[in-house]
């Protein structure tokens, strides 16, 4: 009799643990994904994400010639969900900086702990990193491991369909990591130009925003719309002009007509100036799930 009872008890215990969510990082079904219940059914490539260009460069932390007023902590709070970040070696460590680290830098490990804390306390949010990298992939991996972020990274094959946000949230894999160097070394360290294409990023006047393909193939699953002026650096006065609703929408509509698709990453400088959030919300009202 005991021989029959023990397997039954083991089965009941296993099922109870599974239902309770003890089988890894899986969570219950989310009420909202990236702030909206409607987005849960969308695949990752069926959404637009407010994107901060050179997100690490911020005036609040005293950076010289910054790209934003506010730093990553505030960007997350304000709704930025994709972060363009430059990786360099500085002082013997991997740091976030824009070329000349003496003008401003932040240790990658410190920044990743901020993102980890956000993911822990916001279980319905999906984030994206787009690294411009000048460091070895193994060094990046080691920092992801030491900060505990590896449990959140999403692995993806370029030939496979992206999951829905709901699937990413329930699996716990809610961080997508792209890089322009060393991509493919790990299943989660994704080669950006195998997945995405972009418009040119070197624009000196707002009226010059082109829709031509700069890098990547327009048949790739993700579209990066670079919408910022650098002449030769980023300035808030430029953002007042080009982050306006009319400038953003005109650029988006013009490119959409050429390629029959809307952007996934709308990348700007000084995100807190202008109408980025309003425009991305409008784009998401047009980007519908595939039939």
C-alpha atoms as a PDB file:
ATOM      1  CA  UNK A   1       0.000   0.000   0.000  1.00  0.00           C
ATOM      2  CA  UNK A   2       2.809   2.423   0.917  1.00  0.00           C
ATOM      3  CA  UNK A   3       4.415   1.847  -2.489  1.00  0.00           C
ATOM      4  CA  UNK A   4       1.268   3.223  -4.188  1.00  0.00           C
ATOM      5  CA  UNK A   5       0.827   6.191  -1.846  1.00  0.00           C
ATOM      6  CA  UNK A   6       4.340   7.634  -2.210  1.00  0.00           C
ATOM      7  CA  UNK A   7       4.200   8.218  -6.000  1.00  0.00           C
ATOM      8  CA  UNK A   8       0.764   9.821  -5.620  1.00  0.00           C
ATOM      9  CA  UNK A   9       2.028  12.196  -2.928  1.00  0.00           C
ATOM     10  CA  UNK A  10       5.051  13.094  -5.072  1.00  0.00           C
ATOM     11  CA  UNK A  11       2.788  13.876  -8.025  1.00  0.00           C
ATOM     12  CA  UNK A  12       0.501  16.053  -5.898  1.00  0.00           C
ATOM     13  CA  UNK A  13       3.454  17.964  -4.452  1.00  0.00           C
ATOM     14  CA  UNK A  14       4.942  18.529  -7.909  1.00  0.00           C
ATOM     15  CA  UNK A  15       1.641  19.797  -9.326  1.00  0.00           C
ATOM     16  CA  UNK A  16       1.115  22.079  -6.338  1.00  0.00           C
ATOM     17  CA  UNK A  17       4.567  23.603  -6.754  1.00  0.00           C
ATOM     18  CA  UNK A  18       4.074  24.063 -10.486  1.00  0.00           C
ATOM     19  CA  UNK A  19       0.690  25.747 -10.066  1.00  0.00           C
ATOM     20  CA  UNK A  20       2.127  27.985  -7.355  1.00  0.00           C
ATOM     21  CA  UNK A  21       4.758  29.206  -9.828  1.00  0.00           C
ATOM     22  CA  UNK A  22       7.746  27.468  -8.265  1.00  0.00           C
ATOM     23  CA  UNK A  23       8.994  26.049 -11.539  1.00  0.00           C
ATOM     24  CA  UNK A  24      11.693  28.645 -12.290  1.00  0.00           C
ATOM     25  CA  UNK A  25      11.096  32.301 -13.209  1.00  0.00           C
ATOM     26  CA  UNK A  26       7.626  31.801 -14.674  1.00  0.00           C
ATOM     27  CA  UNK A  27       4.948  34.157 -13.360  1.00  0.00           C
ATOM     28  CA  UNK A  28       1.179  34.378 -13.612  1.00  0.00           C
ATOM     29  CA  UNK A  29      -0.423  35.925 -16.678  1.00  0.00           C
ATOM     30  CA  UNK A  30       0.162  39.695 -16.706  1.00  0.00           C
ATOM     31  CA  UNK A  31      -2.654  42.235 -16.564  1.00  0.00           C
ATOM     32  CA  UNK A  32      -0.640  44.646 -18.698  1.00  0.00           C
ATOM     33  CA  UNK A  33       2.490  44.416 -20.849  1.00  0.00           C
ATOM     34  CA  UNK A  34       4.574  47.576 -21.233  1.00  0.00           C
ATOM     35  CA  UNK A  35       1.699  49.520 -19.748  1.00  0.00           C
ATOM     36  CA  UNK A  36      -1.240  48.199 -21.779  1.00  0.00           C
ATOM     37  CA  UNK A  37      -3.339  45.008 -21.682  1.00  0.00           C
ATOM     38  CA  UNK A  38      -3.629  45.232 -25.477  1.00  0.00           C
ATOM     39  CA  UNK A  39       0.118  44.851 -25.927  1.00  0.00           C
ATOM     40  CA  UNK A  40       0.262  41.432 -24.258  1.00  0.00           C
ATOM     41  CA  UNK A  41      -0.981  39.717 -27.419  1.00  0.00           C
ATOM     42  CA  UNK A  42       1.499  41.574 -29.638  1.00  0.00           C
ATOM     43  CA  UNK A  43       4.696  39.937 -30.735  1.00  0.00           C
ATOM     44  CA  UNK A  44       7.887  41.738 -29.755  1.00  0.00           C
ATOM     45  CA  UNK A  45       8.297  43.040 -33.326  1.00  0.00           C
ATOM     46  CA  UNK A  46       4.686  44.252 -33.445  1.00  0.00           C
ATOM     47  CA  UNK A  47       5.298  47.138 -31.069  1.00  0.00           C
ATOM     48  CA  UNK A  48       7.121  50.456 -31.114  1.00  0.00           C
ATOM     49  CA  UNK A  49       9.369  51.310 -28.177  1.00  0.00           C
ATOM     50  CA  UNK A  50      10.404  54.795 -26.975  1.00  0.00           C
ATOM     51  CA  UNK A  51      14.179  54.696 -27.429  1.00  0.00           C
ATOM     52  CA  UNK A  52      16.896  56.827 -25.843  1.00  0.00           C
ATOM     53  CA  UNK A  53      19.931  57.391 -28.071  1.00  0.00           C
ATOM     54  CA  UNK A  54      23.134  57.369 -25.985  1.00  0.00           C
ATOM     55  CA  UNK A  55      20.907  56.722 -22.985  1.00  0.00           C
ATOM     56  CA  UNK A  56      23.798  56.738 -20.511  1.00  0.00           C
ATOM     57  CA  UNK A  57      24.710  60.365 -21.319  1.00  0.00           C
ATOM     58  CA  UNK A  58      22.752  62.604 -18.961  1.00  0.00           C
ATOM     59  CA  UNK A  59      22.970  66.105 -17.512  1.00  0.00           C
ATOM     60  CA  UNK A  60      21.619  65.050 -14.105  1.00  0.00           C
ATOM     61  CA  UNK A  61      24.848  63.093 -13.513  1.00  0.00           C
ATOM     62  CA  UNK A  62      27.063  65.939 -14.697  1.00  0.00           C
ATOM     63  CA  UNK A  63      28.047  64.573 -18.117  1.00  0.00           C
ATOM     64  CA  UNK A  64      29.653  67.104 -20.417  1.00  0.00           C
ATOM     65  CA  UNK A  65      27.680  67.635 -23.639  1.00  0.00           C
ATOM     66  CA  UNK A  66      24.917  65.170 -22.643  1.00  0.00           C
ATOM     67  CA  UNK A  67      22.315  63.543 -24.870  1.00  0.00           C
ATOM     68  CA  UNK A  68      19.553  63.714 -22.243  1.00  0.00           C
ATOM     69  CA  UNK A  69      18.615  65.717 -19.196  1.00  0.00           C
ATOM     70  CA  UNK A  70      17.736  62.653 -17.133  1.00  0.00           C
ATOM     71  CA  UNK A  71      19.630  59.433 -16.388  1.00  0.00           C
ATOM     72  CA  UNK A  72      18.609  55.807 -16.776  1.00  0.00           C
ATOM     73  CA  UNK A  73      16.664  55.674 -13.502  1.00  0.00           C
ATOM     74  CA  UNK A  74      14.380  58.508 -14.581  1.00  0.00           C
ATOM     75  CA  UNK A  75      14.214  57.264 -18.161  1.00  0.00           C
ATOM     76  CA  UNK A  76      12.780  53.973 -16.935  1.00  0.00           C
ATOM     77  CA  UNK A  77      10.268  55.802 -14.765  1.00  0.00           C
ATOM     78  CA  UNK A  78       9.230  58.038 -17.667  1.00  0.00           C
ATOM     79  CA  UNK A  79       8.553  55.121 -20.032  1.00  0.00           C
ATOM     80  CA  UNK A  80      11.720  54.660 -22.086  1.00  0.00           C
ATOM     81  CA  UNK A  81      11.854  50.967 -22.932  1.00  0.00           C
ATOM     82  CA  UNK A  82      14.796  50.698 -25.355  1.00  0.00           C
ATOM     83  CA  UNK A  83      18.281  51.970 -24.562  1.00  0.00           C
ATOM     84  CA  UNK A  84      21.107  52.662 -27.000  1.00  0.00           C
ATOM     85  CA  UNK A  85      24.277  52.264 -24.936  1.00  0.00           C
ATOM     86  CA  UNK A  86      27.984  52.512 -25.838  1.00  0.00           C
ATOM     87  CA  UNK A  87      30.434  50.091 -24.187  1.00  0.00           C
ATOM     88  CA  UNK A  88      34.112  50.998 -23.697  1.00  0.00           C
ATOM     89  CA  UNK A  89      36.989  49.963 -21.495  1.00  0.00           C
ATOM     90  CA  UNK A  90      37.894  52.741 -19.065  1.00  0.00           C
ATOM     91  CA  UNK A  91      40.001  52.516 -15.935  1.00  0.00           C
ATOM     92  CA  UNK A  92      40.290  48.762 -16.375  1.00  0.00           C
ATOM     93  CA  UNK A  93      36.505  48.239 -16.354  1.00  0.00           C
ATOM     94  CA  UNK A  94      33.660  48.011 -18.836  1.00  0.00           C
ATOM     95  CA  UNK A  95      31.927  51.372 -18.781  1.00  0.00           C
ATOM     96  CA  UNK A  96      29.153  53.215 -20.518  1.00  0.00           C
ATOM     97  CA  UNK A  97      30.490  56.314 -22.232  1.00  0.00           C
ATOM     98  CA  UNK A  98      30.414  58.036 -25.593  1.00  0.00           C
ATOM     99  CA  UNK A  99      33.903  57.768 -27.054  1.00  0.00           C
ATOM    100  CA  UNK A 100      35.752  60.080 -24.675  1.00  0.00           C
ATOM    101  CA  UNK A 101      35.030  58.648 -21.253  1.00  0.00           C
ATOM    102  CA  UNK A 102      36.536  61.609 -19.435  1.00  0.00           C
ATOM    103  CA  UNK A 103      33.476  63.607 -20.520  1.00  0.00           C
ATOM    104  CA  UNK A 104      31.238  61.242 -18.602  1.00  0.00           C
ATOM    105  CA  UNK A 105      31.032  57.552 -17.812  1.00  0.00           C
ATOM    106  CA  UNK A 106      29.197  54.973 -15.734  1.00  0.00           C
ATOM    107  CA  UNK A 107      30.343  51.490 -14.824  1.00  0.00           C
ATOM    108  CA  UNK A 108      28.291  48.920 -16.720  1.00  0.00           C
ATOM    109  CA  UNK A 109      27.881  46.835 -13.576  1.00  0.00           C
ATOM    110  CA  UNK A 110      26.318  49.746 -11.711  1.00  0.00           C
ATOM    111  CA  UNK A 111      23.915  50.517 -14.558  1.00  0.00           C
ATOM    112  CA  UNK A 112      22.854  46.892 -14.979  1.00  0.00           C
ATOM    113  CA  UNK A 113      21.911  46.702 -11.312  1.00  0.00           C
ATOM    114  CA  UNK A 114      19.501  49.570 -11.934  1.00  0.00           C
ATOM    115  CA  UNK A 115      17.884  47.659 -14.800  1.00  0.00           C
ATOM    116  CA  UNK A 116      17.695  44.484 -12.721  1.00  0.00           C
ATOM    117  CA  UNK A 117      15.933  46.322  -9.909  1.00  0.00           C
ATOM    118  CA  UNK A 118      13.429  47.733 -12.400  1.00  0.00           C
ATOM    119  CA  UNK A 119      12.697  44.310 -13.896  1.00  0.00           C
ATOM    120  CA  UNK A 120      12.215  42.850 -10.426  1.00  0.00           C
ATOM    121  CA  UNK A 121       9.709  45.480  -9.386  1.00  0.00           C
ATOM    122  CA  UNK A 122       7.921  45.783 -12.757  1.00  0.00           C
ATOM    123  CA  UNK A 123       7.075  42.218 -13.827  1.00  0.00           C
ATOM    124  CA  UNK A 124       5.012  43.274 -16.840  1.00  0.00           C
ATOM    125  CA  UNK A 125       7.739  45.290 -18.566  1.00  0.00           C
ATOM    126  CA  UNK A 126       9.965  44.234 -21.486  1.00  0.00           C
ATOM    127  CA  UNK A 127      13.235  46.116 -22.055  1.00  0.00           C
ATOM    128  CA  UNK A 128      15.722  46.303 -24.924  1.00  0.00           C
ATOM    129  CA  UNK A 129      19.445  47.148 -25.022  1.00  0.00           C
ATOM    130  CA  UNK A 130      21.164  48.131 -28.273  1.00  0.00           C
ATOM    131  CA  UNK A 131      24.906  48.124 -27.609  1.00  0.00           C
ATOM    132  CA  UNK A 132      27.507  49.933 -29.676  1.00  0.00           C
ATOM    133  CA  UNK A 133      30.321  47.825 -28.303  1.00  0.00           C
ATOM    134  CA  UNK A 134      34.085  48.184 -28.163  1.00  0.00           C
ATOM    135  CA  UNK A 135      34.582  45.441 -25.559  1.00  0.00           C
ATOM    136  CA  UNK A 136      34.783  41.657 -25.617  1.00  0.00           C
ATOM    137  CA  UNK A 137      31.505  39.705 -25.316  1.00  0.00           C
ATOM    138  CA  UNK A 138      32.869  37.554 -22.501  1.00  0.00           C
ATOM    139  CA  UNK A 139      33.444  40.617 -20.336  1.00  0.00           C
ATOM    140  CA  UNK A 140      29.854  41.717 -20.935  1.00  0.00           C
ATOM    141  CA  UNK A 141      28.541  38.244 -20.133  1.00  0.00           C
ATOM    142  CA  UNK A 142      30.474  38.134 -16.865  1.00  0.00           C
ATOM    143  CA  UNK A 143      28.911  41.408 -15.748  1.00  0.00           C
ATOM    144  CA  UNK A 144      25.424  40.234 -16.718  1.00  0.00           C
ATOM    145  CA  UNK A 145      26.073  37.113 -14.641  1.00  0.00           C
ATOM    146  CA  UNK A 146      27.428  38.966 -11.602  1.00  0.00           C
ATOM    147  CA  UNK A 147      24.477  41.369 -11.559  1.00  0.00           C
ATOM    148  CA  UNK A 148      21.879  38.600 -11.928  1.00  0.00           C
ATOM    149  CA  UNK A 149      20.563  39.866 -15.270  1.00  0.00           C
ATOM    150  CA  UNK A 150      21.245  36.610 -17.127  1.00  0.00           C
ATOM    151  CA  UNK A 151      18.016  35.124 -15.797  1.00  0.00           C
ATOM    152  CA  UNK A 152      16.069  37.814 -17.683  1.00  0.00           C
ATOM    153  CA  UNK A 153      17.748  37.698 -21.120  1.00  0.00           C
ATOM    154  CA  UNK A 154      15.788  36.432 -24.110  1.00  0.00           C
ATOM    155  CA  UNK A 155      17.388  34.133 -26.691  1.00  0.00           C
ATOM    156  CA  UNK A 156      16.249  34.437 -30.297  1.00  0.00           C
ATOM    157  CA  UNK A 157      17.060  32.932 -33.695  1.00  0.00           C
ATOM    158  CA  UNK A 158      16.777  35.373 -36.638  1.00  0.00           C
ATOM    159  CA  UNK A 159      14.757  32.800 -38.583  1.00  0.00           C
ATOM    160  CA  UNK A 160      12.209  32.233 -35.826  1.00  0.00           C
ATOM    161  CA  UNK A 161       9.086  34.200 -34.975  1.00  0.00           C
ATOM    162  CA  UNK A 162       9.338  36.595 -32.058  1.00  0.00           C
ATOM    163  CA  UNK A 163       7.278  35.661 -28.978  1.00  0.00           C
ATOM    164  CA  UNK A 164       4.421  37.777 -27.702  1.00  0.00           C
ATOM    165  CA  UNK A 165       5.053  40.107 -24.798  1.00  0.00           C
ATOM    166  CA  UNK A 166       2.779  37.899 -22.707  1.00  0.00           C
ATOM    167  CA  UNK A 167       4.989  34.907 -23.457  1.00  0.00           C
ATOM    168  CA  UNK A 168       8.088  36.894 -22.544  1.00  0.00           C
ATOM    169  CA  UNK A 169       6.555  38.093 -19.304  1.00  0.00           C
ATOM    170  CA  UNK A 170       5.310  34.683 -18.205  1.00  0.00           C
ATOM    171  CA  UNK A 171       8.661  33.070 -19.024  1.00  0.00           C
ATOM    172  CA  UNK A 172      10.557  35.818 -17.200  1.00  0.00           C
ATOM    173  CA  UNK A 173      12.797  36.426 -20.237  1.00  0.00           C
ATOM    174  CA  UNK A 174      12.011  40.128 -20.589  1.00  0.00           C
ATOM    175  CA  UNK A 175      15.324  41.653 -21.662  1.00  0.00           C
ATOM    176  CA  UNK A 176      16.382  41.656 -25.322  1.00  0.00           C
ATOM    177  CA  UNK A 177      20.075  42.421 -25.853  1.00  0.00           C
ATOM    178  CA  UNK A 178      21.460  43.489 -29.237  1.00  0.00           C
ATOM    179  CA  UNK A 179      25.062  44.347 -30.074  1.00  0.00           C
ATOM    180  CA  UNK A 180      27.038  45.462 -33.125  1.00  0.00           C
ATOM    181  CA  UNK A 181      30.134  43.514 -32.012  1.00  0.00           C
ATOM    182  CA  UNK A 182      30.313  39.895 -30.916  1.00  0.00           C
ATOM    183  CA  UNK A 183      26.670  39.176 -31.599  1.00  0.00           C
ATOM    184  CA  UNK A 184      25.882  35.470 -31.750  1.00  0.00           C
ATOM    185  CA  UNK A 185      28.620  34.501 -29.293  1.00  0.00           C
ATOM    186  CA  UNK A 186      25.792  33.642 -26.897  1.00  0.00           C
ATOM    187  CA  UNK A 187      22.197  32.776 -27.775  1.00  0.00           C
ATOM    188  CA  UNK A 188      20.971  35.932 -25.999  1.00  0.00           C
ATOM    189  CA  UNK A 189      23.712  38.290 -27.288  1.00  0.00           C
ATOM    190  CA  UNK A 190      22.068  39.124 -30.587  1.00  0.00           C
ATOM    191  CA  UNK A 191      23.751  40.531 -33.690  1.00  0.00           C
ATOM    192  CA  UNK A 192      21.725  43.686 -34.226  1.00  0.00           C
ATOM    193  CA  UNK A 193      22.127  43.731 -38.025  1.00  0.00           C
ATOM    194  CA  UNK A 194      20.779  40.197 -38.391  1.00  0.00           C
ATOM    195  CA  UNK A 195      17.570  41.331 -36.737  1.00  0.00           C
ATOM    196  CA  UNK A 196      17.176  45.019 -37.555  1.00  0.00           C
ATOM    197  CA  UNK A 197      17.831  47.807 -40.032  1.00  0.00           C
ATOM    198  CA  UNK A 198      18.147  51.535 -39.458  1.00  0.00           C
ATOM    199  CA  UNK A 199      17.855  54.919 -41.077  1.00  0.00           C
ATOM    200  CA  UNK A 200      20.994  57.140 -41.102  1.00  0.00           C
ATOM    201  CA  UNK A 201      22.060  58.602 -37.753  1.00  0.00           C
ATOM    202  CA  UNK A 202      24.362  61.413 -38.937  1.00  0.00           C
ATOM    203  CA  UNK A 203      21.897  64.238 -39.575  1.00  0.00           C
ATOM    204  CA  UNK A 204      22.778  67.917 -39.209  1.00  0.00           C
ATOM    205  CA  UNK A 205      19.382  69.518 -39.879  1.00  0.00           C
ATOM    206  CA  UNK A 206      15.883  68.361 -38.999  1.00  0.00           C
ATOM    207  CA  UNK A 207      14.539  68.831 -42.517  1.00  0.00           C
ATOM    208  CA  UNK A 208      17.146  66.348 -43.785  1.00  0.00           C
ATOM    209  CA  UNK A 209      15.853  63.229 -42.009  1.00  0.00           C
ATOM    210  CA  UNK A 210      16.216  60.478 -44.623  1.00  0.00           C
ATOM    211  CA  UNK A 211      14.491  57.116 -44.985  1.00  0.00           C
ATOM    212  CA  UNK A 212      17.396  55.405 -46.750  1.00  0.00           C
ATOM    213  CA  UNK A 213      18.801  52.182 -45.322  1.00  0.00           C
ATOM    214  CA  UNK A 214      22.014  52.787 -43.396  1.00  0.00           C
ATOM    215  CA  UNK A 215      22.785  49.371 -41.866  1.00  0.00           C
ATOM    216  CA  UNK A 216      20.950  46.062 -41.902  1.00  0.00           C
ATOM    217  CA  UNK A 217      18.447  44.741 -44.414  1.00  0.00           C
ATOM    218  CA  UNK A 218      14.909  46.147 -44.713  1.00  0.00           C
ATOM    219  CA  UNK A 219      13.625  42.569 -44.763  1.00  0.00           C
ATOM    220  CA  UNK A 220      14.800  42.140 -41.148  1.00  0.00           C
ATOM    221  CA  UNK A 221      12.129  41.888 -38.479  1.00  0.00           C
ATOM    222  CA  UNK A 222      12.891  45.163 -36.655  1.00  0.00           C
ATOM    223  CA  UNK A 223      13.124  48.777 -37.852  1.00  0.00           C
ATOM    224  CA  UNK A 224      15.169  51.482 -36.071  1.00  0.00           C
ATOM    225  CA  UNK A 225      14.174  55.057 -36.889  1.00  0.00           C
ATOM    226  CA  UNK A 226      17.040  57.370 -35.926  1.00  0.00           C
ATOM    227  CA  UNK A 227      15.529  60.794 -35.288  1.00  0.00           C
ATOM    228  CA  UNK A 228      18.086  63.131 -33.760  1.00  0.00           C
ATOM    229  CA  UNK A 229      20.361  65.949 -34.904  1.00  0.00           C
ATOM    230  CA  UNK A 230      24.084  66.088 -34.117  1.00  0.00           C
ATOM    231  CA  UNK A 231      25.865  69.196 -35.386  1.00  0.00           C
ATOM    232  CA  UNK A 232      28.411  68.234 -34.182  1.00  0.00           C
ATOM    233  CA  UNK A 233      26.812  67.271 -30.841  1.00  0.00           C
ATOM    234  CA  UNK A 234      23.322  66.916 -29.409  1.00  0.00           C
ATOM    235  CA  UNK A 235      21.669  70.090 -28.065  1.00  0.00           C
ATOM    236  CA  UNK A 236      18.283  70.655 -26.386  1.00  0.00           C
ATOM    237  CA  UNK A 237      17.399  73.330 -28.946  1.00  0.00           C
ATOM    238  CA  UNK A 238      17.627  70.724 -31.688  1.00  0.00           C
ATOM    239  CA  UNK A 239      15.340  68.433 -29.701  1.00  0.00           C
ATOM    240  CA  UNK A 240      12.731  71.181 -29.309  1.00  0.00           C
ATOM    241  CA  UNK A 241      12.400  71.179 -33.079  1.00  0.00           C
ATOM    242  CA  UNK A 242      12.807  67.547 -34.090  1.00  0.00           C
ATOM    243  CA  UNK A 243      11.082  65.879 -31.123  1.00  0.00           C
ATOM    244  CA  UNK A 244       7.877  67.705 -31.966  1.00  0.00           C
ATOM    245  CA  UNK A 245       4.829  65.740 -33.025  1.00  0.00           C
ATOM    246  CA  UNK A 246       4.902  67.140 -36.545  1.00  0.00           C
ATOM    247  CA  UNK A 247       8.579  66.329 -37.146  1.00  0.00           C
ATOM    248  CA  UNK A 248       8.372  62.785 -35.754  1.00  0.00           C
ATOM    249  CA  UNK A 249       5.120  61.901 -37.507  1.00  0.00           C
ATOM    250  CA  UNK A 250       6.302  63.296 -40.845  1.00  0.00           C
ATOM    251  CA  UNK A 251       9.493  61.212 -40.717  1.00  0.00           C
ATOM    252  CA  UNK A 252       7.630  58.073 -39.652  1.00  0.00           C
ATOM    253  CA  UNK A 253       4.905  58.416 -42.293  1.00  0.00           C
ATOM    254  CA  UNK A 254       7.386  59.108 -45.068  1.00  0.00           C
ATOM    255  CA  UNK A 255       9.424  55.984 -44.242  1.00  0.00           C
ATOM    256  CA  UNK A 256       6.274  53.907 -43.746  1.00  0.00           C
ATOM    257  CA  UNK A 257       5.136  54.752 -47.256  1.00  0.00           C
ATOM    258  CA  UNK A 258       8.471  53.649 -48.704  1.00  0.00           C
ATOM    259  CA  UNK A 259       8.783  50.349 -46.848  1.00  0.00           C
ATOM    260  CA  UNK A 260       5.171  49.591 -45.892  1.00  0.00           C
ATOM    261  CA  UNK A 261       6.077  49.283 -42.219  1.00  0.00           C
ATOM    262  CA  UNK A 262       6.216  51.374 -39.079  1.00  0.00           C
ATOM    263  CA  UNK A 263       9.288  51.644 -36.832  1.00  0.00           C
ATOM    264  CA  UNK A 264       9.896  49.485 -33.772  1.00  0.00           C
ATOM    265  CA  UNK A 265      12.502  51.759 -32.166  1.00  0.00           C
ATOM    266  CA  UNK A 266      11.973  55.514 -32.341  1.00  0.00           C
ATOM    267  CA  UNK A 267      15.354  56.832 -31.176  1.00  0.00           C
ATOM    268  CA  UNK A 268      15.782  60.433 -30.016  1.00  0.00           C
ATOM    269  CA  UNK A 269      18.033  62.677 -27.953  1.00  0.00           C
ATOM    270  CA  UNK A 270      16.565  64.616 -25.009  1.00  0.00           C
ATOM    271  CA  UNK A 271      13.562  62.297 -24.864  1.00  0.00           C
ATOM    272  CA  UNK A 272      11.877  64.455 -22.196  1.00  0.00           C
ATOM    273  CA  UNK A 273      11.578  67.323 -24.687  1.00  0.00           C
ATOM    274  CA  UNK A 274       8.732  67.114 -27.186  1.00  0.00           C
ATOM    275  CA  UNK A 275       6.225  64.416 -28.069  1.00  0.00           C
ATOM    276  CA  UNK A 276       8.068  61.080 -28.228  1.00  0.00           C
ATOM    277  CA  UNK A 277       5.682  59.214 -25.924  1.00  0.00           C
ATOM    278  CA  UNK A 278       2.602  60.542 -27.682  1.00  0.00           C
ATOM    279  CA  UNK A 279       3.959  59.579 -31.084  1.00  0.00           C
ATOM    280  CA  UNK A 280       4.986  56.060 -30.016  1.00  0.00           C
ATOM    281  CA  UNK A 281       1.532  55.493 -28.543  1.00  0.00           C
ATOM    282  CA  UNK A 282       0.018  56.559 -31.856  1.00  0.00           C
ATOM    283  CA  UNK A 283       2.344  54.225 -33.771  1.00  0.00           C
ATOM    284  CA  UNK A 284       1.270  51.357 -31.504  1.00  0.00           C
ATOM    285  CA  UNK A 285      -2.365  52.077 -32.268  1.00  0.00           C
ATOM    286  CA  UNK A 286      -1.490  51.405 -35.919  1.00  0.00           C
ATOM    287  CA  UNK A 287       0.892  48.470 -35.405  1.00  0.00           C
ATOM    288  CA  UNK A 288      -1.525  45.551 -35.110  1.00  0.00           C
ATOM    289  CA  UNK A 289      -0.856  41.868 -34.421  1.00  0.00           C
ATOM    290  CA  UNK A 290      -0.216  39.804 -37.537  1.00  0.00           C
ATOM    291  CA  UNK A 291      -3.311  37.795 -38.639  1.00  0.00           C
END
